[in-house]
């Protein structure tokens, strides 16, 4: 059985005050084209379908249009769960009506975890749909008062599944959460903490060892494609980059091929976005040269680090004239000095000349050398100021 595993679509996402809906529509069109070409047996969306509980109208229309093409036109079953960004009830509305057409949505956790069974030449494959749920919700739904954290919550959910499953058949779990294996997970700035405990450094992760026995575990939440302790336990990652902490991630979907019981192969399949998200660095004049901006897609979303030492006149406007989608700007040398809060001129300033103080100040702010030419220029300025004061 061939399965496309995706997650974290975040439709309606706003990045640096820019709505990503156009980029999301483009990448979802590429996904639909790939489904039409390769004809997988199912598409998984492992949570965070929308970026917020009440998505904008454009986001709802985009999801409706995309799912209609996949389910109704291509007749590919879709298995989807809610993530921590989604509203469980809004996402799950109408799921019973659409189930007969192959759209299986689980918004809110049930006492008996929902199971969807598909068949291939090797027999049945059971998909268990476990949407994101806070420990308090799991405690209430499962009737287990001892559940106090995400790990215990997942233990309760898996206990319900495994009490009724046939371990000799192929079983796939679809869920959304922070799962850790032996590797250190790759995190991104655009991932919202699952709880206040996680935001404050609490232990809010799930141990990957809990998933022993599943043929595949399709995870959502982390935006970088990665395994969680095993190639059978994977994050597909988001289809697009949603922060500049993700510039080095190769966004993809995971193609999962299940053979007979115990056989599982995974492959990452990249989709080319409409615009990439990149960091560039250099002097303003250099970055504005045609040879530089024509070397890559100037329509990309950019974080620009300027290394100029002198004053700049409206650098943001100059950059936007060449790079229309540039998002953020930093003055590399000056920002670094400001962040460290160090000013060498402060120490022993009473015994230092103005020239010495400015030289140390210049070195601390710019990170560059206050050479003889700069000293001579400053000396002329200081002398002119002194003469002006005397004339006054």
Protein backbone atom coordinates (compact mmCIF):
# COMPACT_ATOMS: atom_id res chain seq x y z
CA UNK A 1 0.00 0.00 0.00
CA UNK A 2 1.33 3.40 -1.02
CA UNK A 3 0.61 6.29 1.37
CA UNK A 4 1.41 10.01 1.09
CA UNK A 5 2.14 11.36 4.58
CA UNK A 6 1.84 15.14 5.03
CA UNK A 7 1.15 17.44 7.94
CA UNK A 8 1.22 21.02 9.21
CA UNK A 9 -0.39 22.66 6.19
CA UNK A 10 -1.16 25.74 8.36
CA UNK A 11 -3.54 27.16 5.76
CA UNK A 12 -4.11 30.87 6.43
CA UNK A 13 -0.63 31.32 7.91
CA UNK A 14 0.62 34.89 8.39
CA UNK A 15 4.43 35.26 8.27
CA UNK A 16 5.96 38.68 8.96
CA UNK A 17 2.59 40.28 8.15
CA UNK A 18 2.37 38.41 4.82
CA UNK A 19 -0.47 35.95 4.20
CA UNK A 20 0.93 32.76 2.69
CA UNK A 21 -2.33 31.69 1.03
CA UNK A 22 -1.06 32.18 -2.53
CA UNK A 23 2.04 30.11 -1.80
CA UNK A 24 -0.06 27.47 -0.08
CA UNK A 25 -2.46 27.25 -3.04
CA UNK A 26 0.54 26.78 -5.35
CA UNK A 27 2.15 24.00 -3.30
CA UNK A 28 -1.19 22.22 -2.81
CA UNK A 29 -1.69 22.28 -6.58
CA UNK A 30 1.69 20.53 -6.90
CA UNK A 31 0.54 17.98 -4.31
CA UNK A 32 -2.65 17.30 -6.25
CA UNK A 33 -0.62 16.86 -9.45
CA UNK A 34 1.64 14.35 -7.70
CA UNK A 35 -1.36 12.41 -6.40
CA UNK A 36 -2.81 12.31 -9.93
CA UNK A 37 0.50 11.05 -11.33
CA UNK A 38 1.40 8.45 -8.68
CA UNK A 39 -2.08 7.40 -7.51
CA UNK A 40 -1.35 6.63 -3.83
CA UNK A 41 -3.85 4.53 -1.90
CA UNK A 42 -4.32 7.25 0.75
CA UNK A 43 -3.26 10.76 1.78
CA UNK A 44 -2.55 11.51 5.45
CA UNK A 45 -2.74 15.02 6.92
CA UNK A 46 -1.33 14.77 10.45
CA UNK A 47 -2.78 17.88 12.08
CA UNK A 48 -2.45 21.68 12.00
CA UNK A 49 -4.50 21.79 8.85
CA UNK A 50 -5.32 25.44 9.56
CA UNK A 51 -3.02 27.90 11.28
CA UNK A 52 -5.58 29.05 13.83
CA UNK A 53 -8.87 27.99 15.34
CA UNK A 54 -10.91 30.51 13.33
CA UNK A 55 -9.28 30.54 9.87
CA UNK A 56 -9.91 33.26 7.29
CA UNK A 57 -12.46 32.62 4.54
CA UNK A 58 -9.73 32.24 1.91
CA UNK A 59 -8.17 29.43 3.93
CA UNK A 60 -11.46 27.55 4.24
CA UNK A 61 -12.11 27.89 0.51
CA UNK A 62 -8.60 26.65 -0.33
CA UNK A 63 -8.95 23.56 1.85
CA UNK A 64 -12.41 22.80 0.46
CA UNK A 65 -11.17 23.15 -3.13
CA UNK A 66 -8.10 20.98 -2.52
CA UNK A 67 -9.90 18.18 -0.70
CA UNK A 68 -12.67 18.14 -3.32
CA UNK A 69 -10.12 17.57 -6.08
CA UNK A 70 -8.33 14.82 -4.15
CA UNK A 71 -11.39 12.96 -2.86
CA UNK A 72 -14.03 13.54 -5.54
CA UNK A 73 -12.00 13.88 -8.74
CA UNK A 74 -9.01 11.64 -7.99
CA UNK A 75 -10.94 9.33 -5.62
CA UNK A 76 -8.03 9.18 -3.18
CA UNK A 77 -9.01 8.58 0.46
CA UNK A 78 -7.89 11.29 2.88
CA UNK A 79 -7.22 10.61 6.57
CA UNK A 80 -6.93 13.80 8.63
CA UNK A 81 -6.66 14.64 12.33
CA UNK A 82 -6.73 17.96 14.20
CA UNK A 83 -3.54 19.50 15.55
CA UNK A 84 -2.98 21.98 18.35
CA UNK A 85 -3.63 24.92 15.96
CA UNK A 86 -7.00 23.57 14.80
CA UNK A 87 -10.45 23.90 16.29
CA UNK A 88 -11.52 20.26 16.76
CA UNK A 89 -15.22 20.95 16.26
CA UNK A 90 -14.81 23.23 13.24
CA UNK A 91 -12.41 20.87 11.52
CA UNK A 92 -14.56 17.84 12.18
CA UNK A 93 -17.87 19.42 11.14
CA UNK A 94 -19.64 17.37 8.46
CA UNK A 95 -17.11 14.54 8.60
CA UNK A 96 -19.85 11.91 8.87
CA UNK A 97 -21.46 13.09 5.63
CA UNK A 98 -18.16 13.07 3.75
CA UNK A 99 -16.88 9.75 5.03
CA UNK A 100 -18.70 7.74 2.33
CA UNK A 101 -16.72 9.69 -0.28
CA UNK A 102 -13.39 8.84 1.35
CA UNK A 103 -12.78 11.92 3.50
CA UNK A 104 -12.08 10.78 7.06
CA UNK A 105 -11.67 13.68 9.52
CA UNK A 106 -11.18 13.27 13.25
CA UNK A 107 -11.37 16.57 15.08
CA UNK A 108 -11.96 15.54 18.67
CA UNK A 109 -10.65 12.52 20.58
CA UNK A 110 -13.15 9.71 21.19
CA UNK A 111 -13.36 7.11 23.95
CA UNK A 112 -12.83 4.51 21.24
CA UNK A 113 -10.16 5.85 18.91
CA UNK A 114 -11.52 6.00 15.38
CA UNK A 115 -10.30 3.28 13.04
CA UNK A 116 -10.43 3.41 9.23
CA UNK A 117 -9.54 0.23 7.33
CA UNK A 118 -8.26 0.14 3.74
CA UNK A 119 -7.28 -2.98 1.78
CA UNK A 120 -4.61 -3.99 -0.69
CA UNK A 121 -3.26 -7.28 -2.03
CA UNK A 122 -1.73 -8.15 1.36
CA UNK A 123 -4.95 -7.66 3.31
CA UNK A 124 -6.24 -4.89 5.58
CA UNK A 125 -4.38 -1.83 6.84
CA UNK A 126 -5.94 -0.27 9.94
CA UNK A 127 -5.47 3.48 10.37
CA UNK A 128 -6.06 4.86 13.88
CA UNK A 129 -6.93 8.58 13.96
CA UNK A 130 -5.80 10.19 17.24
CA UNK A 131 -6.11 14.01 17.09
CA UNK A 132 -4.15 16.26 19.42
CA UNK A 133 -5.64 16.44 22.91
CA UNK A 134 -4.41 18.05 26.12
CA UNK A 135 -3.89 15.73 29.11
CA UNK A 136 -7.00 17.12 30.84
CA UNK A 137 -9.12 16.17 27.82
CA UNK A 138 -7.59 12.69 27.62
CA UNK A 139 -8.14 12.27 31.35
CA UNK A 140 -11.82 13.09 30.91
CA UNK A 141 -12.47 11.15 27.68
CA UNK A 142 -10.58 8.02 28.71
CA UNK A 143 -11.67 8.16 32.35
CA UNK A 144 -8.11 7.88 33.65
CA UNK A 145 -7.51 10.24 36.56
CA UNK A 146 -3.75 9.58 36.64
CA UNK A 147 -3.09 11.25 33.27
CA UNK A 148 -1.13 14.44 33.97
CA UNK A 149 1.22 14.94 31.00
CA UNK A 150 1.45 14.25 27.28
CA UNK A 151 3.35 10.99 27.69
CA UNK A 152 0.73 9.56 30.03
CA UNK A 153 -2.02 10.86 27.73
CA UNK A 154 -0.54 8.99 24.76
CA UNK A 155 -0.17 5.85 26.89
CA UNK A 156 -3.89 6.01 27.66
CA UNK A 157 -4.79 6.46 23.98
CA UNK A 158 -2.53 3.65 22.82
CA UNK A 159 -3.81 1.39 25.60
CA UNK A 160 -7.33 1.74 24.22
CA UNK A 161 -6.13 0.99 20.68
CA UNK A 162 -4.01 -2.00 21.59
CA UNK A 163 -6.71 -3.55 23.76
CA UNK A 164 -8.81 -4.08 20.63
CA UNK A 165 -6.37 -4.42 17.72
CA UNK A 166 -4.94 -7.45 15.95
CA UNK A 167 -1.14 -7.06 16.19
CA UNK A 168 -0.68 -9.63 13.43
CA UNK A 169 -2.30 -7.23 10.95
CA UNK A 170 -0.84 -3.94 9.70
CA UNK A 171 -1.59 -0.97 11.96
CA UNK A 172 -0.87 2.72 11.29
CA UNK A 173 -1.25 5.54 13.82
CA UNK A 174 -1.95 9.14 12.77
CA UNK A 175 -1.41 11.67 15.55
CA UNK A 176 -0.05 15.11 16.40
CA UNK A 177 2.41 15.85 19.17
CA UNK A 178 6.01 16.21 20.32
CA UNK A 179 7.55 12.73 20.04
CA UNK A 180 11.19 12.15 20.95
CA UNK A 181 13.39 9.21 20.12
CA UNK A 182 17.11 8.83 20.74
CA UNK A 183 17.94 11.70 18.35
CA UNK A 184 17.68 15.34 19.36
CA UNK A 185 14.65 16.70 17.46
CA UNK A 186 15.04 19.53 14.96
CA UNK A 187 12.84 22.41 16.11
CA UNK A 188 11.60 25.56 14.36
CA UNK A 189 10.51 28.99 15.57
CA UNK A 190 7.13 28.60 13.86
CA UNK A 191 6.09 25.64 16.03
CA UNK A 192 3.67 26.72 18.74
CA UNK A 193 4.23 25.03 22.13
CA UNK A 194 1.66 22.33 22.85
CA UNK A 195 1.11 23.64 26.37
CA UNK A 196 2.34 26.22 28.86
CA UNK A 197 4.42 23.47 30.41
CA UNK A 198 6.38 23.01 27.21
CA UNK A 199 6.81 26.76 26.80
CA UNK A 200 8.27 26.93 30.30
CA UNK A 201 10.56 23.96 29.80
CA UNK A 202 8.27 21.26 31.20
CA UNK A 203 8.43 17.64 30.03
CA UNK A 204 5.66 17.66 27.44
CA UNK A 205 7.08 15.18 24.96
CA UNK A 206 6.03 11.61 24.18
CA UNK A 207 8.52 8.73 24.31
CA UNK A 208 8.85 7.11 20.87
CA UNK A 209 9.19 3.70 22.55
CA UNK A 210 5.44 3.76 23.21
CA UNK A 211 4.78 3.12 19.51
CA UNK A 212 6.39 -0.31 19.34
CA UNK A 213 4.12 -2.64 17.39
CA UNK A 214 2.81 -0.11 14.87
CA UNK A 215 3.86 -0.63 11.28
CA UNK A 216 4.02 3.14 10.77
CA UNK A 217 3.36 6.24 12.87
CA UNK A 218 2.49 9.40 10.90
CA UNK A 219 3.29 12.42 13.05
CA UNK A 220 2.51 16.11 12.81
CA UNK A 221 3.76 19.13 14.81
CA UNK A 222 7.49 19.51 14.02
CA UNK A 223 8.05 21.38 10.74
CA UNK A 224 11.28 19.69 9.68
CA UNK A 225 11.00 16.25 8.02
CA UNK A 226 12.63 13.83 10.44
CA UNK A 227 12.41 10.49 12.13
CA UNK A 228 11.58 10.09 15.79
CA UNK A 229 13.67 7.15 16.89
CA UNK A 230 12.83 4.98 13.89
CA UNK A 231 12.12 5.21 10.16
CA UNK A 232 8.68 3.83 11.02
CA UNK A 233 7.98 6.85 13.26
CA UNK A 234 8.27 10.04 11.25
CA UNK A 235 7.36 13.69 10.95
CA UNK A 236 6.60 14.63 7.37
CA UNK A 237 7.24 18.29 8.20
CA UNK A 238 5.38 21.24 6.72
CA UNK A 239 5.02 21.66 2.95
CA UNK A 240 6.37 25.23 3.15
CA UNK A 241 8.89 27.17 5.24
CA UNK A 242 7.14 29.33 7.83
CA UNK A 243 10.10 30.98 9.58
CA UNK A 244 13.69 31.88 8.82
CA UNK A 245 14.79 29.17 11.25
CA UNK A 246 13.66 26.72 8.53
CA UNK A 247 15.76 28.06 5.64
CA UNK A 248 18.00 24.97 5.59
CA UNK A 249 15.15 22.45 5.75
CA UNK A 250 14.31 20.54 2.58
CA UNK A 251 10.52 20.54 2.65
CA UNK A 252 8.88 17.39 1.36
CA UNK A 253 6.15 14.83 1.82
CA UNK A 254 6.88 11.28 2.97
CA UNK A 255 5.99 8.43 0.64
CA UNK A 256 5.30 5.33 2.74
CA UNK A 257 5.12 1.91 1.10
CA UNK A 258 3.70 -0.90 3.23
CA UNK A 259 4.33 -4.43 2.06
CA UNK A 260 3.33 -7.56 3.98
CA UNK A 261 3.30 -7.31 7.78
CA UNK A 262 6.64 -5.95 8.97
CA UNK A 263 7.74 -4.41 5.67
CA UNK A 264 7.79 -0.59 5.51
CA UNK A 265 9.79 1.69 3.26
CA UNK A 266 9.87 5.50 3.33
CA UNK A 267 11.04 8.06 0.79
CA UNK A 268 11.03 11.86 0.91
CA UNK A 269 9.53 13.59 -2.13
CA UNK A 270 10.27 17.30 -2.55
CA UNK A 271 7.78 19.79 -3.94
CA UNK A 272 9.07 23.02 -5.49
CA UNK A 273 7.46 26.10 -3.87
CA UNK A 274 6.40 29.27 -5.64
CA UNK A 275 8.86 31.23 -3.50
CA UNK A 276 11.64 29.98 -1.27
CA UNK A 277 12.59 31.51 2.09
CA UNK A 278 16.24 32.53 2.27
CA UNK A 279 18.82 34.57 4.18
CA UNK A 280 21.23 36.83 2.27
CA UNK A 281 24.09 38.92 3.62
CA UNK A 282 26.36 41.65 2.31
CA UNK A 283 26.74 45.36 1.67
CA UNK A 284 23.64 47.12 0.36
CA UNK A 285 25.20 48.29 -2.92
CA UNK A 286 26.45 44.78 -3.63
CA UNK A 287 23.06 43.17 -3.00
CA UNK A 288 21.44 45.66 -5.39
CA UNK A 289 23.73 44.70 -8.29
CA UNK A 290 21.93 42.84 -11.14
CA UNK A 291 24.54 40.07 -11.14
CA UNK A 292 23.64 39.32 -7.51
CA UNK A 293 19.85 39.54 -7.52
CA UNK A 294 19.52 37.76 -10.86
CA UNK A 295 21.48 34.75 -9.56
CA UNK A 296 18.44 33.47 -7.63
CA UNK A 297 14.70 34.02 -7.50
CA UNK A 298 14.33 37.69 -6.50
CA UNK A 299 10.67 36.92 -5.62
CA UNK A 300 11.77 34.76 -2.66
CA UNK A 301 11.01 35.72 0.94
CA UNK A 302 14.25 37.14 2.35
CA UNK A 303 15.91 38.01 5.61
CA UNK A 304 18.65 40.52 4.75
CA UNK A 305 21.75 41.12 6.88
CA UNK A 306 23.54 44.31 5.85
CA UNK A 307 27.23 44.56 6.69
CA UNK A 308 27.68 48.25 5.78
CA UNK A 309 29.59 50.33 8.30
CA UNK A 310 28.30 53.78 7.35
CA UNK A 311 24.86 55.32 7.48
CA UNK A 312 22.29 54.04 4.98
CA UNK A 313 19.45 55.96 3.36
CA UNK A 314 16.17 54.03 3.52
CA UNK A 315 17.74 50.59 2.99
CA UNK A 316 14.37 48.82 3.29
CA UNK A 317 12.88 50.80 0.41
CA UNK A 318 15.95 50.23 -1.75
CA UNK A 319 15.85 46.49 -1.07
CA UNK A 320 12.12 46.24 -1.72
CA UNK A 321 12.56 47.87 -5.12
CA UNK A 322 14.72 44.89 -6.14
CA UNK A 323 13.45 42.15 -3.83
CA UNK A 324 9.66 42.77 -3.63
CA UNK A 325 9.03 40.08 -1.00
CA UNK A 326 11.88 40.83 1.38
CA UNK A 327 10.55 40.37 4.91
CA UNK A 328 13.08 41.40 7.52
CA UNK A 329 16.28 43.40 7.85
CA UNK A 330 19.16 43.54 10.29
CA UNK A 331 22.25 45.73 10.39
CA UNK A 332 24.65 42.93 11.18
CA UNK A 333 27.56 44.69 12.88
CA UNK A 334 25.49 47.23 14.79
CA UNK A 335 22.81 44.75 15.85
CA UNK A 336 25.46 42.40 17.18
CA UNK A 337 27.03 45.10 19.29
CA UNK A 338 23.65 46.25 20.57
CA UNK A 339 22.72 42.69 21.51
CA UNK A 340 25.88 42.19 23.58
CA UNK A 341 25.52 45.56 25.29
CA UNK A 342 29.28 46.11 25.30
CA UNK A 343 30.86 49.51 24.88
CA UNK A 344 34.60 49.52 25.31
CA UNK A 345 34.68 53.31 25.57
CA UNK A 346 32.88 53.19 28.92
CA UNK A 347 35.89 51.87 30.81
CA UNK A 348 38.21 54.62 32.05
CA UNK A 349 36.56 57.25 29.90
CA UNK A 350 37.75 60.11 32.16
CA UNK A 351 41.40 59.50 31.24
CA UNK A 352 40.81 59.01 27.49
CA UNK A 353 40.73 61.57 24.73
CA UNK A 354 37.65 62.00 22.54
CA UNK A 355 39.54 60.35 19.72
CA UNK A 356 40.32 57.27 21.86
CA UNK A 357 36.78 57.03 23.16
CA UNK A 358 35.26 57.23 19.68
CA UNK A 359 37.77 54.71 18.33
CA UNK A 360 36.79 52.15 20.95
CA UNK A 361 33.12 52.96 20.47
CA UNK A 362 33.47 52.49 16.70
CA UNK A 363 35.21 49.12 17.10
CA UNK A 364 32.55 47.88 19.54
CA UNK A 365 29.62 48.94 17.35
CA UNK A 366 30.94 48.04 13.89
CA UNK A 367 33.33 45.21 14.69
CA UNK A 368 35.80 46.89 12.32
CA UNK A 369 39.14 48.64 12.73
CA UNK A 370 39.32 52.36 13.45
CA UNK A 371 42.27 52.85 11.07
CA UNK A 372 44.47 55.90 10.42
CA UNK A 373 42.24 57.30 7.67
CA UNK A 374 39.19 57.24 9.93
CA UNK A 375 41.19 58.76 12.78
CA UNK A 376 42.32 61.62 10.54
CA UNK A 377 38.74 62.28 9.40
CA UNK A 378 37.45 62.34 12.96
CA UNK A 379 40.32 64.61 14.03
CA UNK A 380 39.26 67.15 11.39
CA UNK A 381 35.66 67.00 12.58
CA UNK A 382 36.66 67.45 16.23
CA UNK A 383 38.87 70.39 15.36
CA UNK A 384 36.08 72.04 13.38
CA UNK A 385 33.70 71.58 16.31
CA UNK A 386 36.25 73.06 18.68
CA UNK A 387 36.78 76.08 16.42
CA UNK A 388 33.03 76.59 16.12
CA UNK A 389 32.66 76.55 19.89
CA UNK A 390 35.39 79.14 20.27
CA UNK A 391 33.79 81.42 17.67
CA UNK A 392 30.51 81.13 19.52
